[in-house]
């Protein structure tokens, strides 16, 4: 079954730092087109455009390349650029390595369409890493049922209640919330800050029942805090939002 979701744009920012990452992002794109009739935007930021990812994408993917010599991938900045370029009523901000049972994604979008929530996560906070072996098995056939069949063999590296990986959001509400917080530069707790900001702004947040499948990959500089100073500052930003009122957030982020 292929779900009709033309009112949604999936935003995938990526730095192709390894062959595994390239395989993962292509697997995610194949998954999205297999199960959904959806708009897709991919932004690749790197030192130069080698043309590899561009040449492997379906023709109707909106592909953006940004020349960026910074070794730190400024993901929040690029997500905001993509969100401002998208014209659909709803957006999905999507990591390059995550997959869900298709019905969960559709359930999340339906809840946004109905006006029940401003934001809906396509899973209930359970984040499962596939492992190298199960990832390779999935890549061979692309059937999500494979991941469901083997999920008891996966592990949850972050415990329950994860707020990263992907979320679906009303585009107007997302922009009104300040989108991504640009104080997060490189890897950090921006997923938690975003969630706390929405909660403190009074947004209604929903969750689809089911887990997230994370396609395993090696971690480089952009999979860890890039310095102790960056780590301390990023947690300061997160905690500042956590303990802020709606009015304080609006003033600090210059929200209308």
C-alpha atoms as a PDB file:
ATOM      1  CA  UNK A   1       0.000   0.000   0.000  1.00  0.00           C
ATOM      2  CA  UNK A   2       1.242   3.491  -0.914  1.00  0.00           C
ATOM      3  CA  UNK A   3      -0.123   6.339   1.207  1.00  0.00           C
ATOM      4  CA  UNK A   4      -1.155   9.653  -0.388  1.00  0.00           C
ATOM      5  CA  UNK A   5       0.863  12.379   1.362  1.00  0.00           C
ATOM      6  CA  UNK A   6       1.401  15.128  -1.217  1.00  0.00           C
ATOM      7  CA  UNK A   7       0.715  17.786   1.415  1.00  0.00           C
ATOM      8  CA  UNK A   8       3.908  16.725   3.229  1.00  0.00           C
ATOM      9  CA  UNK A   9       7.534  17.522   2.380  1.00  0.00           C
ATOM     10  CA  UNK A  10      10.193  15.289   3.906  1.00  0.00           C
ATOM     11  CA  UNK A  11      13.401  17.206   4.629  1.00  0.00           C
ATOM     12  CA  UNK A  12      16.635  15.187   4.781  1.00  0.00           C
ATOM     13  CA  UNK A  13      19.858  17.084   5.519  1.00  0.00           C
ATOM     14  CA  UNK A  14      22.951  14.937   5.066  1.00  0.00           C
ATOM     15  CA  UNK A  15      26.705  14.879   4.950  1.00  0.00           C
ATOM     16  CA  UNK A  16      27.830  11.730   3.167  1.00  0.00           C
ATOM     17  CA  UNK A  17      30.771  10.879   5.402  1.00  0.00           C
ATOM     18  CA  UNK A  18      31.045   7.187   4.493  1.00  0.00           C
ATOM     19  CA  UNK A  19      29.824   4.553   2.072  1.00  0.00           C
ATOM     20  CA  UNK A  20      27.540   3.269   4.825  1.00  0.00           C
ATOM     21  CA  UNK A  21      25.914   6.703   5.134  1.00  0.00           C
ATOM     22  CA  UNK A  22      25.386   6.830   1.379  1.00  0.00           C
ATOM     23  CA  UNK A  23      23.766   3.391   1.436  1.00  0.00           C
ATOM     24  CA  UNK A  24      21.572   4.425   4.352  1.00  0.00           C
ATOM     25  CA  UNK A  25      20.266   7.647   2.851  1.00  0.00           C
ATOM     26  CA  UNK A  26      19.501   5.883  -0.432  1.00  0.00           C
ATOM     27  CA  UNK A  27      17.706   3.116   1.473  1.00  0.00           C
ATOM     28  CA  UNK A  28      15.637   5.712   3.337  1.00  0.00           C
ATOM     29  CA  UNK A  29      14.698   7.454   0.084  1.00  0.00           C
ATOM     30  CA  UNK A  30      13.708   4.154  -1.536  1.00  0.00           C
ATOM     31  CA  UNK A  31      11.612   3.394   1.533  1.00  0.00           C
ATOM     32  CA  UNK A  32       9.854   6.767   1.372  1.00  0.00           C
ATOM     33  CA  UNK A  33       8.987   6.388  -2.307  1.00  0.00           C
ATOM     34  CA  UNK A  34       7.957   2.773  -1.917  1.00  0.00           C
ATOM     35  CA  UNK A  35       5.364   3.477   0.769  1.00  0.00           C
ATOM     36  CA  UNK A  36       4.358   7.133   0.284  1.00  0.00           C
ATOM     37  CA  UNK A  37       3.350   9.552  -2.462  1.00  0.00           C
ATOM     38  CA  UNK A  38       5.267  12.417  -0.900  1.00  0.00           C
ATOM     39  CA  UNK A  39       7.476  15.422  -1.679  1.00  0.00           C
ATOM     40  CA  UNK A  40      11.135  14.925  -0.850  1.00  0.00           C
ATOM     41  CA  UNK A  41      13.911  17.475  -0.389  1.00  0.00           C
ATOM     42  CA  UNK A  42      17.535  16.462   0.218  1.00  0.00           C
ATOM     43  CA  UNK A  43      20.257  18.932   1.172  1.00  0.00           C
ATOM     44  CA  UNK A  44      23.854  17.733   0.993  1.00  0.00           C
ATOM     45  CA  UNK A  45      26.569  19.933   2.495  1.00  0.00           C
ATOM     46  CA  UNK A  46      30.225  19.090   1.928  1.00  0.00           C
ATOM     47  CA  UNK A  47      33.572  20.434   0.730  1.00  0.00           C
ATOM     48  CA  UNK A  48      32.751  19.865  -2.929  1.00  0.00           C
ATOM     49  CA  UNK A  49      30.026  18.322  -5.068  1.00  0.00           C
ATOM     50  CA  UNK A  50      31.261  14.938  -6.261  1.00  0.00           C
ATOM     51  CA  UNK A  51      27.897  14.288  -7.923  1.00  0.00           C
ATOM     52  CA  UNK A  52      27.496  10.786  -6.490  1.00  0.00           C
ATOM     53  CA  UNK A  53      24.402  11.304  -4.349  1.00  0.00           C
ATOM     54  CA  UNK A  54      22.812  13.607  -6.936  1.00  0.00           C
ATOM     55  CA  UNK A  55      23.228  10.984  -9.675  1.00  0.00           C
ATOM     56  CA  UNK A  56      21.584   8.262  -7.582  1.00  0.00           C
ATOM     57  CA  UNK A  57      18.458  10.167  -6.552  1.00  0.00           C
ATOM     58  CA  UNK A  58      15.069   9.854  -8.278  1.00  0.00           C
ATOM     59  CA  UNK A  59      14.414  12.734 -10.673  1.00  0.00           C
ATOM     60  CA  UNK A  60      11.605  14.306  -8.668  1.00  0.00           C
ATOM     61  CA  UNK A  61      13.667  14.688  -5.479  1.00  0.00           C
ATOM     62  CA  UNK A  62      14.474  18.344  -4.838  1.00  0.00           C
ATOM     63  CA  UNK A  63      18.239  18.189  -4.349  1.00  0.00           C
ATOM     64  CA  UNK A  64      20.298  21.059  -2.946  1.00  0.00           C
ATOM     65  CA  UNK A  65      24.071  21.069  -2.657  1.00  0.00           C
ATOM     66  CA  UNK A  66      25.819  23.526  -0.340  1.00  0.00           C
ATOM     67  CA  UNK A  67      29.582  23.966  -0.513  1.00  0.00           C
ATOM     68  CA  UNK A  68      30.771  23.824   3.094  1.00  0.00           C
ATOM     69  CA  UNK A  69      34.402  23.412   4.165  1.00  0.00           C
ATOM     70  CA  UNK A  70      33.543  23.331   7.874  1.00  0.00           C
ATOM     71  CA  UNK A  71      34.207  19.834   9.289  1.00  0.00           C
ATOM     72  CA  UNK A  72      31.275  20.364  11.671  1.00  0.00           C
ATOM     73  CA  UNK A  73      27.936  19.705   9.978  1.00  0.00           C
ATOM     74  CA  UNK A  74      25.692  22.644  10.929  1.00  0.00           C
ATOM     75  CA  UNK A  75      22.519  20.595  10.719  1.00  0.00           C
ATOM     76  CA  UNK A  76      20.175  23.060  12.416  1.00  0.00           C
ATOM     77  CA  UNK A  77      21.064  25.804   9.944  1.00  0.00           C
ATOM     78  CA  UNK A  78      20.432  23.579   6.952  1.00  0.00           C
ATOM     79  CA  UNK A  79      17.112  22.302   8.266  1.00  0.00           C
ATOM     80  CA  UNK A  80      15.918  25.882   8.622  1.00  0.00           C
ATOM     81  CA  UNK A  81      16.960  26.672   5.057  1.00  0.00           C
ATOM     82  CA  UNK A  82      15.024  23.674   3.788  1.00  0.00           C
ATOM     83  CA  UNK A  83      11.965  24.484   5.884  1.00  0.00           C
ATOM     84  CA  UNK A  84      11.836  28.002   4.470  1.00  0.00           C
ATOM     85  CA  UNK A  85      12.051  26.651   0.906  1.00  0.00           C
ATOM     86  CA  UNK A  86       9.311  24.047   1.327  1.00  0.00           C
ATOM     87  CA  UNK A  87       5.790  25.073   0.287  1.00  0.00           C
ATOM     88  CA  UNK A  88       3.651  22.211   1.630  1.00  0.00           C
ATOM     89  CA  UNK A  89       1.273  22.495   4.598  1.00  0.00           C
ATOM     90  CA  UNK A  90       3.208  19.905   6.590  1.00  0.00           C
ATOM     91  CA  UNK A  91       6.876  19.075   7.026  1.00  0.00           C
ATOM     92  CA  UNK A  92       8.800  16.030   8.202  1.00  0.00           C
ATOM     93  CA  UNK A  93      12.339  16.590   9.430  1.00  0.00           C
ATOM     94  CA  UNK A  94      14.023  13.242   8.891  1.00  0.00           C
ATOM     95  CA  UNK A  95      17.435  11.824   9.774  1.00  0.00           C
ATOM     96  CA  UNK A  96      19.281  10.079   6.951  1.00  0.00           C
ATOM     97  CA  UNK A  97      19.288   6.719   8.748  1.00  0.00           C
ATOM     98  CA  UNK A  98      15.782   6.157  10.169  1.00  0.00           C
ATOM     99  CA  UNK A  99      12.795   4.085   9.081  1.00  0.00           C
ATOM    100  CA  UNK A 100       9.362   3.398  10.576  1.00  0.00           C
ATOM    101  CA  UNK A 101       6.476   1.103   9.837  1.00  0.00           C
ATOM    102  CA  UNK A 102       4.631   3.062   7.115  1.00  0.00           C
ATOM    103  CA  UNK A 103       1.321   3.104   8.979  1.00  0.00           C
ATOM    104  CA  UNK A 104       2.971   5.031  11.827  1.00  0.00           C
ATOM    105  CA  UNK A 105       4.041   7.839   9.508  1.00  0.00           C
ATOM    106  CA  UNK A 106       0.601   8.053   7.950  1.00  0.00           C
ATOM    107  CA  UNK A 107      -1.033   8.041  11.385  1.00  0.00           C
ATOM    108  CA  UNK A 108       1.139  10.992  12.389  1.00  0.00           C
ATOM    109  CA  UNK A 109       0.186  12.978   9.283  1.00  0.00           C
ATOM    110  CA  UNK A 110      -3.522  12.242   9.698  1.00  0.00           C
ATOM    111  CA  UNK A 111      -3.366  13.605  13.248  1.00  0.00           C
ATOM    112  CA  UNK A 112      -1.863  16.844  11.904  1.00  0.00           C
ATOM    113  CA  UNK A 113      -4.423  17.115   9.130  1.00  0.00           C
ATOM    114  CA  UNK A 114      -7.245  16.769  11.642  1.00  0.00           C
ATOM    115  CA  UNK A 115      -5.861  19.630  13.725  1.00  0.00           C
ATOM    116  CA  UNK A 116      -5.436  17.396  16.766  1.00  0.00           C
ATOM    117  CA  UNK A 117      -1.733  18.232  17.109  1.00  0.00           C
ATOM    118  CA  UNK A 118       0.762  20.784  15.866  1.00  0.00           C
ATOM    119  CA  UNK A 119       3.532  18.173  16.061  1.00  0.00           C
ATOM    120  CA  UNK A 120       3.457  14.393  15.882  1.00  0.00           C
ATOM    121  CA  UNK A 121       6.329  11.946  16.187  1.00  0.00           C
ATOM    122  CA  UNK A 122       5.926   8.853  13.977  1.00  0.00           C
ATOM    123  CA  UNK A 123       6.885   6.626  16.910  1.00  0.00           C
ATOM    124  CA  UNK A 124       6.398   6.388  20.659  1.00  0.00           C
ATOM    125  CA  UNK A 125       9.940   7.104  21.808  1.00  0.00           C
ATOM    126  CA  UNK A 126      11.425   3.615  21.372  1.00  0.00           C
ATOM    127  CA  UNK A 127      14.618   3.965  19.307  1.00  0.00           C
ATOM    128  CA  UNK A 128      16.059   0.643  18.096  1.00  0.00           C
ATOM    129  CA  UNK A 129      19.456   0.302  16.454  1.00  0.00           C
ATOM    130  CA  UNK A 130      19.379  -2.414  13.817  1.00  0.00           C
ATOM    131  CA  UNK A 131      22.991  -3.629  14.195  1.00  0.00           C
ATOM    132  CA  UNK A 132      25.240  -4.086  11.182  1.00  0.00           C
ATOM    133  CA  UNK A 133      23.896  -7.548  10.345  1.00  0.00           C
ATOM    134  CA  UNK A 134      20.179  -6.695  10.374  1.00  0.00           C
ATOM    135  CA  UNK A 135      20.891  -3.461   8.498  1.00  0.00           C
ATOM    136  CA  UNK A 136      22.545  -5.426   5.701  1.00  0.00           C
ATOM    137  CA  UNK A 137      19.663  -7.905   5.641  1.00  0.00           C
ATOM    138  CA  UNK A 138      17.206  -5.022   5.279  1.00  0.00           C
ATOM    139  CA  UNK A 139      19.242  -3.384   2.510  1.00  0.00           C
ATOM    140  CA  UNK A 140      19.056  -6.594   0.494  1.00  0.00           C
ATOM    141  CA  UNK A 141      15.255  -6.486   0.153  1.00  0.00           C
ATOM    142  CA  UNK A 142      13.955  -3.135   1.466  1.00  0.00           C
ATOM    143  CA  UNK A 143      10.973  -4.704   3.216  1.00  0.00           C
ATOM    144  CA  UNK A 144      10.106  -3.050   6.545  1.00  0.00           C
ATOM    145  CA  UNK A 145       8.609  -6.364   7.668  1.00  0.00           C
ATOM    146  CA  UNK A 146      12.190  -7.624   7.994  1.00  0.00           C
ATOM    147  CA  UNK A 147      12.894  -4.988  10.628  1.00  0.00           C
ATOM    148  CA  UNK A 148       9.676  -5.798  12.471  1.00  0.00           C
ATOM    149  CA  UNK A 149      10.552  -9.497  12.466  1.00  0.00           C
ATOM    150  CA  UNK A 150      13.977  -8.904  14.003  1.00  0.00           C
ATOM    151  CA  UNK A 151      13.265  -6.050  16.402  1.00  0.00           C
ATOM    152  CA  UNK A 152      13.612  -8.290  19.470  1.00  0.00           C
ATOM    153  CA  UNK A 153      17.255  -8.719  18.457  1.00  0.00           C
ATOM    154  CA  UNK A 154      17.891  -4.948  18.366  1.00  0.00           C
ATOM    155  CA  UNK A 155      18.898  -2.735  21.270  1.00  0.00           C
ATOM    156  CA  UNK A 156      17.773   0.693  22.476  1.00  0.00           C
ATOM    157  CA  UNK A 157      20.967   2.769  22.928  1.00  0.00           C
ATOM    158  CA  UNK A 158      19.219   5.793  24.440  1.00  0.00           C
ATOM    159  CA  UNK A 159      16.524   4.221  26.600  1.00  0.00           C
ATOM    160  CA  UNK A 160      12.812   5.135  26.376  1.00  0.00           C
ATOM    161  CA  UNK A 161      11.323   8.504  25.491  1.00  0.00           C
ATOM    162  CA  UNK A 162      13.632   9.487  22.623  1.00  0.00           C
ATOM    163  CA  UNK A 163      12.617  12.653  20.749  1.00  0.00           C
ATOM    164  CA  UNK A 164      14.972  12.501  17.754  1.00  0.00           C
ATOM    165  CA  UNK A 165      15.126  10.744  14.410  1.00  0.00           C
ATOM    166  CA  UNK A 166      12.093  12.305  12.758  1.00  0.00           C
ATOM    167  CA  UNK A 167       9.026  14.386  13.466  1.00  0.00           C
ATOM    168  CA  UNK A 168       6.061  15.654  11.459  1.00  0.00           C
ATOM    169  CA  UNK A 169       4.868  19.194  12.030  1.00  0.00           C
ATOM    170  CA  UNK A 170       2.423  21.791  10.790  1.00  0.00           C
ATOM    171  CA  UNK A 171       4.677  24.006   8.656  1.00  0.00           C
ATOM    172  CA  UNK A 172       3.170  27.269   9.855  1.00  0.00           C
ATOM    173  CA  UNK A 173       3.449  26.225  13.508  1.00  0.00           C
ATOM    174  CA  UNK A 174       7.031  25.066  12.994  1.00  0.00           C
ATOM    175  CA  UNK A 175       8.093  28.403  11.578  1.00  0.00           C
ATOM    176  CA  UNK A 176       6.222  30.241  14.341  1.00  0.00           C
ATOM    177  CA  UNK A 177       8.146  28.227  16.963  1.00  0.00           C
ATOM    178  CA  UNK A 178      11.502  29.394  15.623  1.00  0.00           C
ATOM    179  CA  UNK A 179      12.209  26.139  13.760  1.00  0.00           C
ATOM    180  CA  UNK A 180      15.655  24.772  14.739  1.00  0.00           C
ATOM    181  CA  UNK A 181      17.682  26.557  17.392  1.00  0.00           C
ATOM    182  CA  UNK A 182      20.829  27.806  15.658  1.00  0.00           C
ATOM    183  CA  UNK A 183      22.722  27.793  18.948  1.00  0.00           C
ATOM    184  CA  UNK A 184      23.165  24.071  18.337  1.00  0.00           C
ATOM    185  CA  UNK A 185      26.269  23.749  16.199  1.00  0.00           C
ATOM    186  CA  UNK A 186      27.163  20.148  15.507  1.00  0.00           C
ATOM    187  CA  UNK A 187      25.949  17.128  17.450  1.00  0.00           C
ATOM    188  CA  UNK A 188      24.010  17.861  20.639  1.00  0.00           C
ATOM    189  CA  UNK A 189      20.695  17.720  22.511  1.00  0.00           C
ATOM    190  CA  UNK A 190      18.759  19.843  20.013  1.00  0.00           C
ATOM    191  CA  UNK A 191      16.020  17.206  19.821  1.00  0.00           C
ATOM    192  CA  UNK A 192      15.273  17.698  23.507  1.00  0.00           C
ATOM    193  CA  UNK A 193      15.485  21.481  23.338  1.00  0.00           C
ATOM    194  CA  UNK A 194      13.055  21.531  20.436  1.00  0.00           C
ATOM    195  CA  UNK A 195      10.619  19.286  22.276  1.00  0.00           C
ATOM    196  CA  UNK A 196      10.783  21.371  25.483  1.00  0.00           C
ATOM    197  CA  UNK A 197      10.351  24.573  23.484  1.00  0.00           C
ATOM    198  CA  UNK A 198       7.218  23.253  21.813  1.00  0.00           C
ATOM    199  CA  UNK A 199       5.828  22.082  25.138  1.00  0.00           C
ATOM    200  CA  UNK A 200       6.494  25.433  26.814  1.00  0.00           C
ATOM    201  CA  UNK A 201       4.939  27.277  23.868  1.00  0.00           C
ATOM    202  CA  UNK A 202       1.775  25.256  24.423  1.00  0.00           C
ATOM    203  CA  UNK A 203       1.959  23.096  21.309  1.00  0.00           C
ATOM    204  CA  UNK A 204      -0.039  19.874  21.246  1.00  0.00           C
ATOM    205  CA  UNK A 205       2.366  16.991  20.673  1.00  0.00           C
ATOM    206  CA  UNK A 206       1.344  13.492  19.598  1.00  0.00           C
ATOM    207  CA  UNK A 207       3.033  10.125  19.138  1.00  0.00           C
ATOM    208  CA  UNK A 208       2.254   7.252  16.803  1.00  0.00           C
ATOM    209  CA  UNK A 209       2.350   3.804  18.368  1.00  0.00           C
ATOM    210  CA  UNK A 210       5.431   1.835  17.341  1.00  0.00           C
ATOM    211  CA  UNK A 211       9.206   2.109  17.268  1.00  0.00           C
ATOM    212  CA  UNK A 212      11.930   3.798  15.229  1.00  0.00           C
ATOM    213  CA  UNK A 213      14.458   1.679  13.337  1.00  0.00           C
ATOM    214  CA  UNK A 214      17.924   3.205  13.091  1.00  0.00           C
ATOM    215  CA  UNK A 215      20.165   1.836  10.350  1.00  0.00           C
ATOM    216  CA  UNK A 216      23.547   1.363  12.015  1.00  0.00           C
ATOM    217  CA  UNK A 217      26.512   3.406  10.790  1.00  0.00           C
ATOM    218  CA  UNK A 218      29.987   4.466  11.960  1.00  0.00           C
ATOM    219  CA  UNK A 219      30.166   7.713  13.947  1.00  0.00           C
ATOM    220  CA  UNK A 220      32.604  10.475  13.105  1.00  0.00           C
ATOM    221  CA  UNK A 221      33.125  14.024  14.386  1.00  0.00           C
ATOM    222  CA  UNK A 222      29.448  14.788  13.737  1.00  0.00           C
ATOM    223  CA  UNK A 223      28.284  11.858  15.859  1.00  0.00           C
ATOM    224  CA  UNK A 224      29.733  13.292  19.072  1.00  0.00           C
ATOM    225  CA  UNK A 225      30.196  16.645  20.773  1.00  0.00           C
ATOM    226  CA  UNK A 226      33.042  18.318  18.911  1.00  0.00           C
ATOM    227  CA  UNK A 227      34.553  19.868  22.067  1.00  0.00           C
ATOM    228  CA  UNK A 228      33.928  20.124  25.814  1.00  0.00           C
ATOM    229  CA  UNK A 229      32.989  23.771  25.361  1.00  0.00           C
ATOM    230  CA  UNK A 230      30.446  22.898  22.684  1.00  0.00           C
ATOM    231  CA  UNK A 231      29.014  20.169  24.915  1.00  0.00           C
ATOM    232  CA  UNK A 232      28.608  22.466  27.919  1.00  0.00           C
ATOM    233  CA  UNK A 233      27.095  25.261  25.851  1.00  0.00           C
ATOM    234  CA  UNK A 234      24.618  22.968  24.086  1.00  0.00           C
ATOM    235  CA  UNK A 235      23.318  21.639  27.410  1.00  0.00           C
ATOM    236  CA  UNK A 236      23.111  25.178  28.725  1.00  0.00           C
ATOM    237  CA  UNK A 237      20.922  26.095  25.736  1.00  0.00           C
ATOM    238  CA  UNK A 238      18.709  23.047  26.284  1.00  0.00           C
ATOM    239  CA  UNK A 239      18.298  23.691  30.014  1.00  0.00           C
ATOM    240  CA  UNK A 240      17.601  27.376  29.447  1.00  0.00           C
ATOM    241  CA  UNK A 241      14.653  26.420  27.241  1.00  0.00           C
ATOM    242  CA  UNK A 242      13.487  23.777  29.718  1.00  0.00           C
ATOM    243  CA  UNK A 243      13.148  26.337  32.503  1.00  0.00           C
ATOM    244  CA  UNK A 244      11.787  29.187  30.373  1.00  0.00           C
ATOM    245  CA  UNK A 245       8.231  30.438  30.164  1.00  0.00           C
ATOM    246  CA  UNK A 246       6.396  30.874  26.896  1.00  0.00           C
ATOM    247  CA  UNK A 247       6.999  34.615  27.028  1.00  0.00           C
ATOM    248  CA  UNK A 248      10.714  34.200  27.737  1.00  0.00           C
ATOM    249  CA  UNK A 249      11.112  31.850  24.769  1.00  0.00           C
ATOM    250  CA  UNK A 250       9.226  34.204  22.481  1.00  0.00           C
ATOM    251  CA  UNK A 251      11.391  37.141  23.527  1.00  0.00           C
ATOM    252  CA  UNK A 252      14.700  35.260  23.340  1.00  0.00           C
ATOM    253  CA  UNK A 253      13.971  33.790  19.897  1.00  0.00           C
ATOM    254  CA  UNK A 254      12.234  36.919  18.608  1.00  0.00           C
ATOM    255  CA  UNK A 255       8.989  35.070  17.855  1.00  0.00           C
ATOM    256  CA  UNK A 256       5.906  36.968  16.760  1.00  0.00           C
END
